[in-house]
């Protein structure tokens, strides 16, 4: 009887871990904490930020390595509704809209139980921003694109054999760009996300 229980437990553990292997798709909802560093020529550096909603769609593939260790890759696209407004003076303002992102990530992980995995994210991101400048009632908008490096940590756990729940925090640091007023802008962002993963296994 004890032997049967041990065999059944081993089969369940192996099948649970195997559920992390293979192709998958998914979606996240979360909050984007956008922060900008503005360096006007000849003036003091200022920092400003705000929070807005975001949503991810992603597709990936991964495999377990040596039973407990996981290695995967993921491609994603993100939509945002985050607007940050900077008031430089009574007649001069900037606003920054984070519009979209897409990128790829490497995802190493480790099993912390039969059904739950802790993982990290390391990737590259390309993001579109809209910069609006208002000077004495005159508005001008430009579109800027910046590349960034992304790092994050998360947990993923089984809900059903094909459906997982995951939560994650990511930080992205972007290359600077220059506005029409010769102001150097350096964006960063932090993202808190909760999502579902559907696995094709």
C-alpha atoms as a PDB file:
ATOM      1  CA  UNK A   1       0.000   0.000   0.000  1.00  0.00           C
ATOM      2  CA  UNK A   2       2.819   2.420   0.928  1.00  0.00           C
ATOM      3  CA  UNK A   3       4.589   1.603  -2.316  1.00  0.00           C
ATOM      4  CA  UNK A   4       1.466   2.499  -4.351  1.00  0.00           C
ATOM      5  CA  UNK A   5       1.130   5.821  -2.520  1.00  0.00           C
ATOM      6  CA  UNK A   6       4.770   6.694  -3.192  1.00  0.00           C
ATOM      7  CA  UNK A   7       4.475   5.788  -6.882  1.00  0.00           C
ATOM      8  CA  UNK A   8       1.262   7.805  -7.235  1.00  0.00           C
ATOM      9  CA  UNK A   9       2.876  10.806  -5.506  1.00  0.00           C
ATOM     10  CA  UNK A  10       5.902  10.636  -7.811  1.00  0.00           C
ATOM     11  CA  UNK A  11       3.703  10.466 -10.910  1.00  0.00           C
ATOM     12  CA  UNK A  12       1.661  13.478  -9.719  1.00  0.00           C
ATOM     13  CA  UNK A  13       4.799  15.496  -9.003  1.00  0.00           C
ATOM     14  CA  UNK A  14       6.298  14.721 -12.399  1.00  0.00           C
ATOM     15  CA  UNK A  15       3.059  15.495 -14.235  1.00  0.00           C
ATOM     16  CA  UNK A  16       2.677  18.787 -12.314  1.00  0.00           C
ATOM     17  CA  UNK A  17       6.200  19.888 -13.189  1.00  0.00           C
ATOM     18  CA  UNK A  18       5.756  18.790 -16.799  1.00  0.00           C
ATOM     19  CA  UNK A  19       2.782  21.135 -17.073  1.00  0.00           C
ATOM     20  CA  UNK A  20       5.264  24.036 -17.127  1.00  0.00           C
ATOM     21  CA  UNK A  21       6.842  22.714 -20.339  1.00  0.00           C
ATOM     22  CA  UNK A  22       5.701  23.644 -23.834  1.00  0.00           C
ATOM     23  CA  UNK A  23       4.094  26.534 -25.700  1.00  0.00           C
ATOM     24  CA  UNK A  24       1.697  29.008 -24.083  1.00  0.00           C
ATOM     25  CA  UNK A  25      -0.231  32.247 -24.579  1.00  0.00           C
ATOM     26  CA  UNK A  26      -1.562  34.664 -22.010  1.00  0.00           C
ATOM     27  CA  UNK A  27      -2.653  38.115 -20.925  1.00  0.00           C
ATOM     28  CA  UNK A  28      -1.845  40.461 -18.018  1.00  0.00           C
ATOM     29  CA  UNK A  29      -3.577  43.439 -16.457  1.00  0.00           C
ATOM     30  CA  UNK A  30      -1.761  45.835 -14.184  1.00  0.00           C
ATOM     31  CA  UNK A  31      -0.476  49.276 -13.298  1.00  0.00           C
ATOM     32  CA  UNK A  32       2.338  51.190 -14.986  1.00  0.00           C
ATOM     33  CA  UNK A  33       4.366  53.573 -12.791  1.00  0.00           C
ATOM     34  CA  UNK A  34       5.913  55.946 -15.351  1.00  0.00           C
ATOM     35  CA  UNK A  35       8.768  58.217 -14.258  1.00  0.00           C
ATOM     36  CA  UNK A  36      10.632  60.798 -16.360  1.00  0.00           C
ATOM     37  CA  UNK A  37      13.853  62.681 -15.711  1.00  0.00           C
ATOM     38  CA  UNK A  38      13.932  66.002 -17.548  1.00  0.00           C
ATOM     39  CA  UNK A  39      17.232  67.843 -18.066  1.00  0.00           C
ATOM     40  CA  UNK A  40      16.603  71.283 -19.605  1.00  0.00           C
ATOM     41  CA  UNK A  41      19.646  73.052 -21.018  1.00  0.00           C
ATOM     42  CA  UNK A  42      21.187  75.283 -18.373  1.00  0.00           C
ATOM     43  CA  UNK A  43      18.483  74.485 -15.789  1.00  0.00           C
ATOM     44  CA  UNK A  44      18.117  72.092 -12.881  1.00  0.00           C
ATOM     45  CA  UNK A  45      17.097  68.476 -13.491  1.00  0.00           C
ATOM     46  CA  UNK A  46      13.516  67.639 -12.545  1.00  0.00           C
ATOM     47  CA  UNK A  47      11.705  64.327 -12.085  1.00  0.00           C
ATOM     48  CA  UNK A  48       7.993  63.690 -12.450  1.00  0.00           C
ATOM     49  CA  UNK A  49       5.724  60.666 -12.796  1.00  0.00           C
ATOM     50  CA  UNK A  50       2.275  59.149 -12.559  1.00  0.00           C
ATOM     51  CA  UNK A  51       0.430  55.827 -12.581  1.00  0.00           C
ATOM     52  CA  UNK A  52      -1.913  54.421 -15.224  1.00  0.00           C
ATOM     53  CA  UNK A  53      -3.421  51.101 -16.359  1.00  0.00           C
ATOM     54  CA  UNK A  54      -1.756  48.687 -18.773  1.00  0.00           C
ATOM     55  CA  UNK A  55      -2.454  45.338 -20.462  1.00  0.00           C
ATOM     56  CA  UNK A  56      -0.112  42.702 -21.942  1.00  0.00           C
ATOM     57  CA  UNK A  57      -0.573  39.970 -24.533  1.00  0.00           C
ATOM     58  CA  UNK A  58       2.220  37.404 -24.743  1.00  0.00           C
ATOM     59  CA  UNK A  59       3.284  34.119 -26.317  1.00  0.00           C
ATOM     60  CA  UNK A  60       6.111  31.892 -25.163  1.00  0.00           C
ATOM     61  CA  UNK A  61       7.777  28.519 -24.933  1.00  0.00           C
ATOM     62  CA  UNK A  62       9.657  26.897 -22.061  1.00  0.00           C
ATOM     63  CA  UNK A  63      11.086  23.624 -20.769  1.00  0.00           C
ATOM     64  CA  UNK A  64      12.128  22.220 -17.428  1.00  0.00           C
ATOM     65  CA  UNK A  65      15.856  21.566 -17.104  1.00  0.00           C
ATOM     66  CA  UNK A  66      17.024  18.970 -14.553  1.00  0.00           C
ATOM     67  CA  UNK A  67      13.518  18.667 -13.022  1.00  0.00           C
ATOM     68  CA  UNK A  68      13.603  21.816 -10.869  1.00  0.00           C
ATOM     69  CA  UNK A  69      14.942  24.465 -13.234  1.00  0.00           C
ATOM     70  CA  UNK A  70      13.028  26.146 -16.031  1.00  0.00           C
ATOM     71  CA  UNK A  71      14.187  28.102 -19.067  1.00  0.00           C
ATOM     72  CA  UNK A  72      11.840  29.864 -21.468  1.00  0.00           C
ATOM     73  CA  UNK A  73      11.490  32.666 -23.955  1.00  0.00           C
ATOM     74  CA  UNK A  74       8.614  35.081 -24.438  1.00  0.00           C
ATOM     75  CA  UNK A  75       7.467  37.756 -26.912  1.00  0.00           C
ATOM     76  CA  UNK A  76       4.927  40.368 -25.828  1.00  0.00           C
ATOM     77  CA  UNK A  77       3.070  43.508 -26.756  1.00  0.00           C
ATOM     78  CA  UNK A  78       1.711  46.040 -24.277  1.00  0.00           C
ATOM     79  CA  UNK A  79      -0.854  48.823 -24.403  1.00  0.00           C
ATOM     80  CA  UNK A  80      -0.861  51.710 -21.925  1.00  0.00           C
ATOM     81  CA  UNK A  81      -3.039  54.585 -20.768  1.00  0.00           C
ATOM     82  CA  UNK A  82      -0.453  56.443 -18.682  1.00  0.00           C
ATOM     83  CA  UNK A  83      -0.174  60.222 -19.019  1.00  0.00           C
ATOM     84  CA  UNK A  84       2.373  62.221 -17.068  1.00  0.00           C
ATOM     85  CA  UNK A  85       2.130  66.012 -16.972  1.00  0.00           C
ATOM     86  CA  UNK A  86       5.013  68.283 -16.014  1.00  0.00           C
ATOM     87  CA  UNK A  87       4.346  71.944 -15.271  1.00  0.00           C
ATOM     88  CA  UNK A  88       7.562  73.870 -15.855  1.00  0.00           C
ATOM     89  CA  UNK A  89       5.953  77.287 -15.457  1.00  0.00           C
ATOM     90  CA  UNK A  90       2.567  79.028 -15.719  1.00  0.00           C
ATOM     91  CA  UNK A  91       2.803  79.191 -19.524  1.00  0.00           C
ATOM     92  CA  UNK A  92       4.948  76.107 -20.339  1.00  0.00           C
ATOM     93  CA  UNK A  93       3.930  72.482 -19.748  1.00  0.00           C
ATOM     94  CA  UNK A  94       4.914  69.031 -20.958  1.00  0.00           C
ATOM     95  CA  UNK A  95       2.808  65.884 -21.020  1.00  0.00           C
ATOM     96  CA  UNK A  96       4.053  62.390 -21.830  1.00  0.00           C
ATOM     97  CA  UNK A  97       1.853  59.499 -22.965  1.00  0.00           C
ATOM     98  CA  UNK A  98       3.216  55.955 -22.832  1.00  0.00           C
ATOM     99  CA  UNK A  99       1.419  54.439 -25.833  1.00  0.00           C
ATOM    100  CA  UNK A 100       2.671  50.924 -26.599  1.00  0.00           C
ATOM    101  CA  UNK A 101       5.552  48.494 -26.113  1.00  0.00           C
ATOM    102  CA  UNK A 102       6.766  45.272 -27.629  1.00  0.00           C
ATOM    103  CA  UNK A 103       9.741  43.101 -26.826  1.00  0.00           C
ATOM    104  CA  UNK A 104      11.282  39.749 -26.050  1.00  0.00           C
ATOM    105  CA  UNK A 105      12.416  38.198 -22.777  1.00  0.00           C
ATOM    106  CA  UNK A 106      14.453  35.308 -21.442  1.00  0.00           C
ATOM    107  CA  UNK A 107      12.712  33.665 -18.485  1.00  0.00           C
ATOM    108  CA  UNK A 108      14.714  31.440 -16.099  1.00  0.00           C
ATOM    109  CA  UNK A 109      12.809  29.869 -13.230  1.00  0.00           C
ATOM    110  CA  UNK A 110      12.958  27.395 -10.363  1.00  0.00           C
ATOM    111  CA  UNK A 111      10.232  25.133  -8.970  1.00  0.00           C
ATOM    112  CA  UNK A 112       9.463  26.009  -5.342  1.00  0.00           C
ATOM    113  CA  UNK A 113       6.698  23.371  -5.063  1.00  0.00           C
ATOM    114  CA  UNK A 114       5.046  20.785  -7.311  1.00  0.00           C
ATOM    115  CA  UNK A 115       2.667  23.406  -8.697  1.00  0.00           C
ATOM    116  CA  UNK A 116       4.441  26.757  -8.270  1.00  0.00           C
ATOM    117  CA  UNK A 117       7.424  28.329  -9.980  1.00  0.00           C
ATOM    118  CA  UNK A 118       9.426  31.455  -9.132  1.00  0.00           C
ATOM    119  CA  UNK A 119      10.979  33.114 -12.161  1.00  0.00           C
ATOM    120  CA  UNK A 120      12.964  36.094 -13.358  1.00  0.00           C
ATOM    121  CA  UNK A 121      12.632  38.126 -16.548  1.00  0.00           C
ATOM    122  CA  UNK A 122      15.478  39.688 -18.543  1.00  0.00           C
ATOM    123  CA  UNK A 123      14.636  41.320 -21.848  1.00  0.00           C
ATOM    124  CA  UNK A 124      14.634  44.205 -24.273  1.00  0.00           C
ATOM    125  CA  UNK A 125      11.688  46.543 -24.890  1.00  0.00           C
ATOM    126  CA  UNK A 126      10.813  49.082 -27.584  1.00  0.00           C
ATOM    127  CA  UNK A 127       8.269  51.693 -26.474  1.00  0.00           C
ATOM    128  CA  UNK A 128       6.445  54.528 -28.180  1.00  0.00           C
ATOM    129  CA  UNK A 129       5.862  57.825 -26.363  1.00  0.00           C
ATOM    130  CA  UNK A 130       3.865  60.895 -27.338  1.00  0.00           C
ATOM    131  CA  UNK A 131       5.311  64.184 -26.108  1.00  0.00           C
ATOM    132  CA  UNK A 132       3.011  67.199 -25.997  1.00  0.00           C
ATOM    133  CA  UNK A 133       4.403  70.652 -25.384  1.00  0.00           C
ATOM    134  CA  UNK A 134       2.211  73.632 -24.524  1.00  0.00           C
ATOM    135  CA  UNK A 135       3.720  77.105 -24.695  1.00  0.00           C
ATOM    136  CA  UNK A 136       1.476  80.130 -24.122  1.00  0.00           C
ATOM    137  CA  UNK A 137      -1.576  78.372 -25.550  1.00  0.00           C
ATOM    138  CA  UNK A 138       0.249  76.754 -28.507  1.00  0.00           C
ATOM    139  CA  UNK A 139       0.319  72.927 -28.504  1.00  0.00           C
ATOM    140  CA  UNK A 140       2.795  70.746 -30.370  1.00  0.00           C
ATOM    141  CA  UNK A 141       2.945  66.926 -30.275  1.00  0.00           C
ATOM    142  CA  UNK A 142       5.751  64.618 -31.364  1.00  0.00           C
ATOM    143  CA  UNK A 143       6.143  60.845 -31.273  1.00  0.00           C
ATOM    144  CA  UNK A 144       9.289  59.357 -29.778  1.00  0.00           C
ATOM    145  CA  UNK A 145      10.483  55.731 -29.729  1.00  0.00           C
ATOM    146  CA  UNK A 146      12.995  54.488 -27.173  1.00  0.00           C
ATOM    147  CA  UNK A 147      14.623  51.119 -26.491  1.00  0.00           C
ATOM    148  CA  UNK A 148      15.059  49.833 -22.969  1.00  0.00           C
ATOM    149  CA  UNK A 149      16.289  46.973 -20.852  1.00  0.00           C
ATOM    150  CA  UNK A 150      13.798  45.153 -18.637  1.00  0.00           C
ATOM    151  CA  UNK A 151      14.231  43.002 -15.522  1.00  0.00           C
ATOM    152  CA  UNK A 152      11.571  41.441 -13.330  1.00  0.00           C
ATOM    153  CA  UNK A 153      10.535  38.810 -10.801  1.00  0.00           C
ATOM    154  CA  UNK A 154       7.355  36.742 -10.635  1.00  0.00           C
ATOM    155  CA  UNK A 155       5.460  33.700  -9.374  1.00  0.00           C
ATOM    156  CA  UNK A 156       3.372  31.311 -11.476  1.00  0.00           C
ATOM    157  CA  UNK A 157       1.088  28.569 -10.148  1.00  0.00           C
ATOM    158  CA  UNK A 158      -1.310  25.967 -11.605  1.00  0.00           C
ATOM    159  CA  UNK A 159      -5.067  26.573 -11.468  1.00  0.00           C
ATOM    160  CA  UNK A 160      -5.930  23.679 -13.805  1.00  0.00           C
ATOM    161  CA  UNK A 161      -3.749  21.363 -15.941  1.00  0.00           C
ATOM    162  CA  UNK A 162      -3.798  23.956 -18.756  1.00  0.00           C
ATOM    163  CA  UNK A 163      -4.340  27.258 -16.918  1.00  0.00           C
ATOM    164  CA  UNK A 164      -1.894  29.109 -14.656  1.00  0.00           C
ATOM    165  CA  UNK A 165      -2.089  32.287 -12.596  1.00  0.00           C
ATOM    166  CA  UNK A 166       0.947  34.537 -12.390  1.00  0.00           C
ATOM    167  CA  UNK A 167       1.940  37.780 -10.716  1.00  0.00           C
ATOM    168  CA  UNK A 168       4.969  39.853 -11.632  1.00  0.00           C
ATOM    169  CA  UNK A 169       6.907  43.081 -11.080  1.00  0.00           C
ATOM    170  CA  UNK A 170       9.079  44.511 -13.884  1.00  0.00           C
ATOM    171  CA  UNK A 171      11.393  47.501 -14.078  1.00  0.00           C
ATOM    172  CA  UNK A 172      12.382  49.075 -17.404  1.00  0.00           C
ATOM    173  CA  UNK A 173      15.101  51.658 -18.019  1.00  0.00           C
ATOM    174  CA  UNK A 174      15.032  53.451 -21.382  1.00  0.00           C
ATOM    175  CA  UNK A 175      17.549  55.328 -23.477  1.00  0.00           C
ATOM    176  CA  UNK A 176      17.187  59.091 -23.358  1.00  0.00           C
ATOM    177  CA  UNK A 177      15.693  61.157 -26.156  1.00  0.00           C
ATOM    178  CA  UNK A 178      15.678  64.901 -26.860  1.00  0.00           C
ATOM    179  CA  UNK A 179      12.555  67.006 -27.361  1.00  0.00           C
ATOM    180  CA  UNK A 180      12.143  69.889 -29.780  1.00  0.00           C
ATOM    181  CA  UNK A 181      13.139  72.277 -26.977  1.00  0.00           C
ATOM    182  CA  UNK A 182      16.508  70.480 -26.630  1.00  0.00           C
ATOM    183  CA  UNK A 183      15.480  68.945 -23.319  1.00  0.00           C
ATOM    184  CA  UNK A 184      16.932  65.523 -22.560  1.00  0.00           C
ATOM    185  CA  UNK A 185      14.238  63.104 -21.334  1.00  0.00           C
ATOM    186  CA  UNK A 186      15.062  59.766 -19.679  1.00  0.00           C
ATOM    187  CA  UNK A 187      12.044  57.494 -19.040  1.00  0.00           C
ATOM    188  CA  UNK A 188      11.827  54.604 -16.596  1.00  0.00           C
ATOM    189  CA  UNK A 189       8.848  52.502 -15.556  1.00  0.00           C
ATOM    190  CA  UNK A 190       7.777  49.968 -12.953  1.00  0.00           C
ATOM    191  CA  UNK A 191       4.939  47.556 -13.685  1.00  0.00           C
ATOM    192  CA  UNK A 192       2.853  45.410 -11.343  1.00  0.00           C
ATOM    193  CA  UNK A 193       0.904  42.746 -13.256  1.00  0.00           C
ATOM    194  CA  UNK A 194      -1.492  39.861 -12.655  1.00  0.00           C
ATOM    195  CA  UNK A 195      -2.284  37.501 -15.497  1.00  0.00           C
ATOM    196  CA  UNK A 196      -3.462  34.144 -16.829  1.00  0.00           C
ATOM    197  CA  UNK A 197      -1.374  31.699 -18.848  1.00  0.00           C
ATOM    198  CA  UNK A 198      -2.932  29.060 -21.137  1.00  0.00           C
ATOM    199  CA  UNK A 199      -0.591  26.144 -21.887  1.00  0.00           C
ATOM    200  CA  UNK A 200      -0.799  23.866 -24.951  1.00  0.00           C
ATOM    201  CA  UNK A 201       0.122  20.590 -23.283  1.00  0.00           C
END
